């Protein structure tokens, strides 16, 4: 089990990015959350297998069609258990 912590930079607010991330995470089978930051970036924390986390990293690099991802900063760490039960949009 891995936990992904990511900050997505670029034109990522006001373009459906959080909804996109939630939909992709649920399709991949990840749990966690996504939220807008005051800086204009989007923060993501997701938990799943290594393969699931890699799929999410690829999705975050793409984003929805109206977005433009200029940078993706992320880290992963091992987790003994999954701290989440679903994937939520946080405000």
Protein backbone atom coordinates (compact mmCIF):
# COMPACT_ATOMS: atom_id res chain seq x y z
CA UNK A 1 0.00 0.00 0.00
CA UNK A 2 1.34 3.44 -0.99
CA UNK A 3 0.25 6.97 -0.18
CA UNK A 4 0.70 9.53 -2.94
CA UNK A 5 1.00 13.20 -1.99
CA UNK A 6 0.91 15.55 -4.96
CA UNK A 7 0.61 19.22 -5.83
CA UNK A 8 -0.48 20.01 -9.38
CA UNK A 9 0.45 23.42 -10.79
CA UNK A 10 -0.76 25.32 -13.83
CA UNK A 11 -4.27 26.14 -15.01
CA UNK A 12 -5.88 23.65 -12.64
CA UNK A 13 -8.64 25.63 -10.92
CA UNK A 14 -11.94 26.52 -12.55
CA UNK A 15 -11.55 23.77 -15.16
CA UNK A 16 -13.11 20.76 -13.37
CA UNK A 17 -9.77 19.43 -12.16
CA UNK A 18 -11.00 18.21 -8.76
CA UNK A 19 -13.97 16.43 -10.34
CA UNK A 20 -11.61 14.89 -12.93
CA UNK A 21 -9.27 13.64 -10.18
CA UNK A 22 -12.14 12.20 -8.14
CA UNK A 23 -13.56 10.36 -11.16
CA UNK A 24 -10.16 8.95 -12.17
CA UNK A 25 -9.32 7.92 -8.60
CA UNK A 26 -12.62 6.06 -8.23
CA UNK A 27 -12.13 4.36 -11.60
CA UNK A 28 -8.58 3.30 -10.65
CA UNK A 29 -9.69 2.17 -7.16
CA UNK A 30 -7.85 4.74 -5.04
CA UNK A 31 -9.07 6.36 -1.84
CA UNK A 32 -8.07 9.78 -0.49
CA UNK A 33 -8.92 13.38 -1.32
CA UNK A 34 -8.34 16.35 -3.62
CA UNK A 35 -8.63 20.07 -2.84
CA UNK A 36 -7.87 23.51 -4.24
CA UNK A 37 -5.10 25.52 -2.58
CA UNK A 38 -5.15 29.29 -2.13
CA UNK A 39 -2.02 29.44 -4.30
CA UNK A 40 -4.07 28.31 -7.33
CA UNK A 41 -2.62 24.79 -7.21
CA UNK A 42 -4.47 21.53 -6.52
CA UNK A 43 -3.39 19.13 -3.77
CA UNK A 44 -4.03 15.38 -3.93
CA UNK A 45 -3.53 12.62 -1.40
CA UNK A 46 -4.34 9.12 -2.61
CA UNK A 47 -3.84 5.63 -1.26
CA UNK A 48 -3.59 2.38 -3.21
CA UNK A 49 -1.22 -0.13 -4.75
CA UNK A 50 1.94 0.91 -6.53
CA UNK A 51 0.30 0.30 -9.91
CA UNK A 52 -2.78 2.35 -8.95
CA UNK A 53 -0.61 5.23 -7.71
CA UNK A 54 1.41 5.19 -10.95
CA UNK A 55 -1.82 5.35 -12.97
CA UNK A 56 -2.95 8.37 -10.93
CA UNK A 57 0.38 10.15 -11.48
CA UNK A 58 -0.14 9.74 -15.24
CA UNK A 59 -3.71 11.08 -14.98
CA UNK A 60 -2.55 14.08 -12.92
CA UNK A 61 0.00 14.96 -15.61
CA UNK A 62 -2.79 15.00 -18.24
CA UNK A 63 -5.66 16.65 -16.38
CA UNK A 64 -9.03 17.40 -17.99
CA UNK A 65 -9.17 18.95 -21.46
CA UNK A 66 -9.55 22.59 -20.28
CA UNK A 67 -6.59 22.39 -17.88
CA UNK A 68 -2.89 22.92 -18.43
CA UNK A 69 -0.51 21.16 -16.05
CA UNK A 70 2.78 23.03 -15.91
CA UNK A 71 4.30 21.06 -13.03
CA UNK A 72 3.57 18.06 -10.85
CA UNK A 73 5.37 17.69 -7.53
CA UNK A 74 4.78 14.41 -5.74
CA UNK A 75 6.12 11.93 -3.24
CA UNK A 76 5.08 8.46 -2.14
CA UNK A 77 5.47 6.59 1.08
CA UNK A 78 4.57 3.11 2.28
CA UNK A 79 1.53 2.67 4.47
CA UNK A 80 0.62 -0.28 6.68
CA UNK A 81 -3.08 0.33 6.16
CA UNK A 82 -5.42 2.54 4.16
CA UNK A 83 -6.46 5.61 6.19
CA UNK A 84 -9.39 6.44 3.84
CA UNK A 85 -12.66 4.75 2.92
CA UNK A 86 -13.52 6.77 -0.21
CA UNK A 87 -12.12 9.47 -2.49
CA UNK A 88 -13.49 12.91 -1.62
CA UNK A 89 -13.36 16.48 -2.85
CA UNK A 90 -12.35 18.69 0.07
CA UNK A 91 -13.11 22.38 0.38
